[in-house]
Every structure is written in C-alpha cells, then in structure tokens.
C-alpha cells in the first residue's frame, strides 16, 4: 500500500495543530512536523499524544521569517527528511493552521487515483515576480521586515540602486520566474526533482522576497513536470486547497455562519486558514471528519 507524507510547518495555535494531527492520523500517512524556533508559546505535553496510527517525526527547529528564504529552507528540510524515510506517492505541505475538509480515506483515494501534481500556479511570468528574484533583498531575515515601512522603503531604494548598476541575478538562469501558492501536494518523482536541484534553488532564490511562492512553481513550469499539473487555470483547484484571498490575507474561516457549509460542500481536500479566535468552526469540522473517519 502506498503511503503519503504530510509535511507541517507550525508556529503556534497548538489547539488547532493538535486537532490537525488527530485528523491526519491514518495508517497510510506519516507526519513530519516543524515547529518554528521563535514560537513564544509553550508546547503542551499532550500535543503529540493524539497520533496513534501514523509515524510522527519532529524535525529540528529553525527560525522562520516571513517572506524569507528560511521558509523554503524549511520546506526542503521537510521533503529531504521524509524522502530519506522512503518513497511516498505524495508529499503534502500544510501549515499548522490548515485543516483537511474531507476524510482521510477520501483524500488518500483522490490523490492515488489522480497521480497528478497539485500546485497553485499562475502560468505566466510577470515582472512583479521577476524583480523579487532579479535583485538582492537582504532585509527579509529581520523580524520587523513584515510590518516595518522603513525597511521596505530601504529595500526599494536598494533595488533601484541595483537597477542603475545593472545587477541581474537571473542573467545565467534559463528559467521563467513563476508565481503561485506555497502549499502543495506533489508526487515522489517531483519531490526527487526538487531535491536534485537543491543547490541551484539556494543560489537563485536566497535573498529574494517570498520565494516560497516561486520555487516550486518555477521549477515545475520550466521542466517536463509542467505537463503533470492537475490544473493551471485555477489556483484553488490546482492545489486542492480552499484559500479565500478576497475576504482576507488570507481570510480566517469561521467569521460567517455559512463558512462551515461552504467548506464542507467544496470539492477541495484542504482549507486554510483557521485561528483559535474562531474555534466553533474548527470543532465542527473536527467532529464531522472524526465521524467520517470512524465510519471508514
């Protein structure tokens, strides 16, 4: 029986993470978990007790910074750790505030039947994506970068100076830079291709902005794996993840009464994001999927 590897990047919200681990606990799953070293909340002792059927591997903690290469570094570490454990038919990347919205059996059967790669991709190159890689952006590792207008202003000034002196980090790279969503479900073959290009990924994407939204999309678009993508016309369908960018950045589910029905009636396998401030919807999803999982 083929197995799936679930790669989880978490930084807190332990209640939701615990429920996520419980819902992913399935005989055909192994779970690989990274917890951000910067997390301020103490991890409860009972967090991992819910995993009974799956193998749970916790990888060494790193400091993860928003929009920084450290995000990709963590993704690669998770892929690498899982791949060393064996050959999985799928590798699913989730955050600690994601939830499945189908039963484990439904999700497993869907991917096994498909055999495709699921990546939210924008299948054309735009300059907004190119400039994030073409020039050096050294401030992303600073904790305050996300909200600091001064740092972002300095970043744009530095980019302007690099344009004047004709810096071009892509001059020797025969890749179109393609954007999309970070979270994915990919096959063993694509995983191996990504890990084979690990050194090139670091060379091209280190000191860039939000490269976690560019790396997998760019590698796939510029390779034969582009033909293995499930859907390149719709980000939600292409990744099988229900993420609402119209109502938020992204929207936190549970703020509207109809959110539960909307999620559970959707064709997607996973949804993000959830928060402990809106636990009612998290608990309803957990109860419904627990019932489905128990009923086989």
Protein backbone atom coordinates (compact mmCIF):
# COMPACT_ATOMS: atom_id res chain seq x y z
CA UNK A 1 0.00 0.00 0.00
CA UNK A 2 1.36 3.42 -0.99
CA UNK A 3 1.86 5.93 1.80
CA UNK A 4 1.59 9.72 1.92
CA UNK A 5 3.91 12.10 3.78
CA UNK A 6 2.35 15.13 5.46
CA UNK A 7 4.80 17.99 5.98
CA UNK A 8 3.58 20.53 8.54
CA UNK A 9 5.05 23.95 9.30
CA UNK A 10 3.75 25.28 12.62
CA UNK A 11 4.44 28.31 14.79
CA UNK A 12 1.73 28.18 17.46
CA UNK A 13 -2.05 27.74 17.69
CA UNK A 14 -1.47 24.42 19.48
CA UNK A 15 -5.16 23.60 19.83
CA UNK A 16 -5.67 23.68 16.07
CA UNK A 17 -2.40 21.83 15.43
CA UNK A 18 -3.48 19.07 17.84
CA UNK A 19 -6.78 18.63 16.00
CA UNK A 20 -4.96 18.67 12.66
CA UNK A 21 -2.61 15.91 13.83
CA UNK A 22 -5.56 13.90 15.05
CA UNK A 23 -7.38 14.20 11.71
CA UNK A 24 -4.25 13.22 9.75
CA UNK A 25 -3.64 10.17 11.95
CA UNK A 26 -4.23 7.36 9.43
CA UNK A 27 -2.47 4.10 8.67
CA UNK A 28 -1.40 5.27 5.21
CA UNK A 29 0.08 8.57 6.47
CA UNK A 30 3.41 9.59 8.01
CA UNK A 31 3.61 13.07 9.53
CA UNK A 32 6.70 15.29 9.53
CA UNK A 33 6.41 18.35 11.75
CA UNK A 34 8.48 21.51 12.07
CA UNK A 35 7.80 23.97 14.89
CA UNK A 36 9.26 27.45 14.46
CA UNK A 37 12.04 28.03 16.96
CA UNK A 38 10.73 31.58 17.51
CA UNK A 39 7.40 30.32 18.83
CA UNK A 40 6.73 32.08 22.14
CA UNK A 41 4.01 29.74 23.41
CA UNK A 42 4.99 26.67 25.41
CA UNK A 43 4.21 23.44 23.59
CA UNK A 44 1.73 21.37 25.64
CA UNK A 45 2.92 17.88 26.63
CA UNK A 46 -0.27 16.31 25.25
CA UNK A 47 0.14 17.76 21.74
CA UNK A 48 1.55 14.61 20.16
CA UNK A 49 -0.40 12.02 22.14
CA UNK A 50 -3.21 12.01 19.56
CA UNK A 51 -1.06 10.36 16.87
CA UNK A 52 -1.61 6.61 17.15
CA UNK A 53 -1.62 5.16 13.61
CA UNK A 54 0.90 7.34 11.77
CA UNK A 55 4.60 7.79 12.31
CA UNK A 56 5.25 11.27 13.71
CA UNK A 57 8.71 12.73 13.06
CA UNK A 58 9.56 16.14 14.53
CA UNK A 59 12.46 17.79 12.71
CA UNK A 60 14.98 20.15 14.27
CA UNK A 61 13.56 23.63 14.78
CA UNK A 62 14.68 26.57 12.67
CA UNK A 63 13.96 30.29 12.84
CA UNK A 64 11.44 31.04 10.08
CA UNK A 65 10.94 34.60 8.87
CA UNK A 66 8.08 35.90 6.77
CA UNK A 67 8.99 36.35 3.05
CA UNK A 68 12.50 34.98 3.70
CA UNK A 69 14.40 32.08 2.15
CA UNK A 70 14.23 30.33 5.53
CA UNK A 71 10.67 29.27 4.59
CA UNK A 72 11.98 27.39 1.55
CA UNK A 73 14.88 26.03 3.57
CA UNK A 74 12.39 24.50 6.00
CA UNK A 75 10.28 23.06 3.16
CA UNK A 76 13.35 21.42 1.65
CA UNK A 77 14.37 20.03 5.04
CA UNK A 78 10.92 18.50 5.48
CA UNK A 79 10.99 16.99 1.97
CA UNK A 80 14.51 15.70 2.49
CA UNK A 81 13.70 14.14 5.87
CA UNK A 82 10.58 12.46 4.52
CA UNK A 83 12.30 11.20 1.38
CA UNK A 84 15.04 9.58 3.47
CA UNK A 85 12.33 7.62 5.26
CA UNK A 86 11.23 6.05 2.00
CA UNK A 87 9.30 6.50 -1.21
CA UNK A 88 5.93 8.19 -0.71
CA UNK A 89 3.42 8.50 -3.50
CA UNK A 90 2.54 12.02 -2.28
CA UNK A 91 4.08 14.77 -0.18
CA UNK A 92 1.53 17.25 1.19
CA UNK A 93 2.72 20.58 2.62
CA UNK A 94 0.36 22.12 5.19
CA UNK A 95 0.63 24.85 7.77
CA UNK A 96 -0.27 24.25 11.40
CA UNK A 97 -3.44 26.30 10.92
CA UNK A 98 -4.73 24.27 7.96
CA UNK A 99 -7.34 21.55 8.20
CA UNK A 100 -8.48 18.75 5.92
CA UNK A 101 -12.09 19.16 4.77
CA UNK A 102 -12.50 15.59 3.56
CA UNK A 103 -11.97 12.32 5.42
CA UNK A 104 -8.54 10.69 5.37
CA UNK A 105 -9.81 7.92 3.12
CA UNK A 106 -11.42 10.38 0.68
CA UNK A 107 -8.21 12.43 0.47
CA UNK A 108 -5.99 9.40 0.08
CA UNK A 109 -8.16 7.85 -2.64
CA UNK A 110 -8.48 11.13 -4.52
CA UNK A 111 -4.73 11.63 -4.85
CA UNK A 112 -3.96 7.98 -5.52
CA UNK A 113 -6.49 7.92 -8.35
CA UNK A 114 -5.22 11.19 -9.83
CA UNK A 115 -1.45 10.72 -9.93
CA UNK A 116 -1.10 14.41 -10.83
CA UNK A 117 0.87 17.17 -9.11
CA UNK A 118 -1.15 19.78 -7.23
CA UNK A 119 0.41 23.24 -7.16
CA UNK A 120 -1.39 26.58 -7.16
CA UNK A 121 0.28 28.25 -10.13
CA UNK A 122 -0.06 31.43 -12.17
CA UNK A 123 1.12 30.09 -15.57
CA UNK A 124 2.72 33.24 -16.94
CA UNK A 125 5.72 35.32 -15.96
CA UNK A 126 5.06 38.81 -14.58
CA UNK A 127 7.61 41.45 -13.66
CA UNK A 128 6.38 41.62 -10.04
CA UNK A 129 7.69 38.07 -9.60
CA UNK A 130 10.87 38.60 -11.62
CA UNK A 131 12.05 41.63 -9.62
CA UNK A 132 11.78 39.66 -6.39
CA UNK A 133 14.50 37.33 -7.69
CA UNK A 134 16.46 39.50 -10.12
CA UNK A 135 17.74 41.80 -7.37
CA UNK A 136 19.13 41.17 -3.87
CA UNK A 137 16.70 41.73 -0.99
CA UNK A 138 18.77 41.32 2.22
CA UNK A 139 16.32 42.57 4.86
CA UNK A 140 13.81 39.71 4.93
CA UNK A 141 15.58 37.94 7.81
CA UNK A 142 14.83 40.84 10.13
CA UNK A 143 11.89 40.17 12.45
CA UNK A 144 10.41 43.62 11.79
CA UNK A 145 10.54 43.42 7.99
CA UNK A 146 6.91 42.34 7.60
CA UNK A 147 5.48 45.48 9.21
CA UNK A 148 8.34 47.99 9.02
CA UNK A 149 7.76 50.62 6.34
CA UNK A 150 11.31 51.94 6.80
CA UNK A 151 12.88 48.57 5.98
CA UNK A 152 10.60 48.10 2.99
CA UNK A 153 11.49 51.59 1.82
CA UNK A 154 15.20 50.80 2.16
CA UNK A 155 14.61 47.59 0.23
CA UNK A 156 13.08 49.51 -2.68
CA UNK A 157 15.92 52.04 -2.64
CA UNK A 158 18.46 49.23 -2.74
CA UNK A 159 16.57 47.64 -5.61
CA UNK A 160 16.62 50.95 -7.51
CA UNK A 161 20.39 51.25 -6.97
CA UNK A 162 20.85 47.71 -8.31
CA UNK A 163 18.88 48.62 -11.42
CA UNK A 164 21.18 51.58 -12.02
CA UNK A 165 24.29 49.42 -11.88
CA UNK A 166 22.52 46.67 -13.88
CA UNK A 167 22.51 43.91 -11.33
CA UNK A 168 20.80 40.83 -12.74
CA UNK A 169 20.89 37.63 -10.72
CA UNK A 170 18.98 35.85 -13.50
CA UNK A 171 21.37 36.55 -16.37
CA UNK A 172 22.75 32.99 -16.30
CA UNK A 173 19.49 31.30 -15.34
CA UNK A 174 17.35 29.92 -18.14
CA UNK A 175 14.14 29.95 -16.09
CA UNK A 176 10.96 31.94 -16.31
CA UNK A 177 10.02 33.02 -12.78
CA UNK A 178 6.51 31.83 -11.99
CA UNK A 179 4.31 32.74 -9.01
CA UNK A 180 1.64 30.86 -7.09
CA UNK A 181 0.64 29.45 -3.70
CA UNK A 182 3.10 27.97 -1.24
CA UNK A 183 1.13 24.88 -0.19
CA UNK A 184 1.30 21.79 -2.40
CA UNK A 185 0.70 18.07 -2.90
CA UNK A 186 3.40 16.56 -5.10
CA UNK A 187 4.46 13.12 -6.25
CA UNK A 188 7.64 11.27 -5.32
CA UNK A 189 9.08 11.99 -8.79
CA UNK A 190 8.63 15.75 -8.44
CA UNK A 191 9.99 15.64 -4.89
CA UNK A 192 13.17 13.95 -6.17
CA UNK A 193 13.49 16.57 -8.91
CA UNK A 194 13.20 19.40 -6.38
CA UNK A 195 15.80 17.86 -4.06
CA UNK A 196 18.12 17.20 -7.01
CA UNK A 197 18.04 20.96 -7.70
CA UNK A 198 18.54 21.98 -4.06
CA UNK A 199 21.84 23.80 -4.62
CA UNK A 200 20.52 25.69 -7.64
CA UNK A 201 17.41 26.67 -5.71
CA UNK A 202 19.55 28.23 -2.98
CA UNK A 203 21.77 30.00 -5.49
CA UNK A 204 18.84 31.56 -7.37
CA UNK A 205 16.34 32.22 -4.59
CA UNK A 206 18.34 33.17 -1.49
CA UNK A 207 17.98 36.89 -0.62
CA UNK A 208 14.71 37.17 -2.54
CA UNK A 209 11.21 38.16 -1.43
CA UNK A 210 8.58 35.48 -0.72
CA UNK A 211 10.39 32.84 -2.72
CA UNK A 212 8.21 30.16 -1.08
CA UNK A 213 5.60 31.26 -3.65
CA UNK A 214 8.06 30.97 -6.54
CA UNK A 215 10.41 28.00 -6.15
CA UNK A 216 8.17 25.02 -6.85
CA UNK A 217 6.17 26.91 -9.47
CA UNK A 218 9.33 27.98 -11.32
CA UNK A 219 10.94 24.53 -11.22
CA UNK A 220 7.78 22.84 -12.42
CA UNK A 221 6.97 25.35 -15.15
CA UNK A 222 10.47 25.08 -16.61
CA UNK A 223 10.52 21.28 -16.68
CA UNK A 224 8.65 18.30 -18.07
CA UNK A 225 6.66 18.23 -14.82
CA UNK A 226 4.53 21.12 -16.10
CA UNK A 227 2.52 18.52 -18.04
CA UNK A 228 1.78 16.64 -14.80
CA UNK A 229 -0.05 19.56 -13.14
CA UNK A 230 -3.71 18.93 -12.31
CA UNK A 231 -4.99 22.42 -13.18
CA UNK A 232 -3.09 25.56 -14.20
CA UNK A 233 -6.18 27.71 -14.73
CA UNK A 234 -7.40 27.90 -11.12
CA UNK A 235 -5.25 28.23 -8.00
CA UNK A 236 -7.73 26.57 -5.65
CA UNK A 237 -8.45 23.64 -7.94
CA UNK A 238 -4.81 23.35 -8.95
CA UNK A 239 -3.68 22.97 -5.34
CA UNK A 240 -6.86 21.34 -3.95
CA UNK A 241 -6.84 23.95 -1.20
CA UNK A 242 -9.68 26.30 -0.32
CA UNK A 243 -7.98 29.62 0.45
CA UNK A 244 -10.01 32.83 0.26
CA UNK A 245 -7.88 35.84 -0.69
CA UNK A 246 -10.89 38.05 -1.47
CA UNK A 247 -12.07 38.42 2.13
CA UNK A 248 -8.64 38.40 3.82
CA UNK A 249 -4.87 37.92 3.53
CA UNK A 250 -5.98 35.16 3.57
CA UNK A 251 -9.44 35.03 5.15
CA UNK A 252 -9.78 33.28 8.52
CA UNK A 253 -12.63 30.78 8.31
CA UNK A 254 -15.40 30.94 10.90
CA UNK A 255 -16.35 34.61 10.76
CA UNK A 256 -19.54 33.94 8.81
CA UNK A 257 -22.32 31.48 9.68
CA UNK A 258 -22.25 29.86 6.24
CA UNK A 259 -18.48 29.16 6.26
CA UNK A 260 -18.84 25.60 7.53
CA UNK A 261 -21.32 24.59 4.83
CA UNK A 262 -19.24 26.36 2.19
CA UNK A 263 -16.12 24.46 3.18
CA UNK A 264 -17.69 21.04 3.57
CA UNK A 265 -19.56 21.24 0.26
CA UNK A 266 -16.50 22.39 -1.69
CA UNK A 267 -14.57 19.96 -3.95
CA UNK A 268 -11.22 20.71 -2.28
CA UNK A 269 -9.23 18.49 0.09
CA UNK A 270 -7.75 21.07 2.50
CA UNK A 271 -8.55 24.60 3.70
CA UNK A 272 -6.66 27.44 5.33
CA UNK A 273 -6.52 29.34 7.48
CA UNK A 274 -8.06 28.82 10.92
CA UNK A 275 -7.49 30.55 14.24
CA UNK A 276 -8.20 29.86 17.89
CA UNK A 277 -10.33 33.02 17.92
CA UNK A 278 -12.90 31.13 15.81
CA UNK A 279 -12.87 27.67 17.35
CA UNK A 280 -16.53 26.89 16.69
CA UNK A 281 -15.91 26.12 13.02
CA UNK A 282 -12.72 24.18 13.83
CA UNK A 283 -14.62 22.00 16.30
CA UNK A 284 -17.49 21.43 13.83
CA UNK A 285 -15.05 20.33 11.12
CA UNK A 286 -13.24 18.10 13.59
CA UNK A 287 -16.48 16.44 14.74
CA UNK A 288 -17.72 15.87 11.18
CA UNK A 289 -14.44 14.45 9.89
CA UNK A 290 -13.93 12.32 13.00
CA UNK A 291 -17.33 10.79 12.35
CA UNK A 292 -16.44 10.12 8.70
CA UNK A 293 -13.04 8.68 9.61
CA UNK A 294 -14.55 6.37 12.20
CA UNK A 295 -17.17 5.18 9.72
CA UNK A 296 -14.44 4.31 7.20
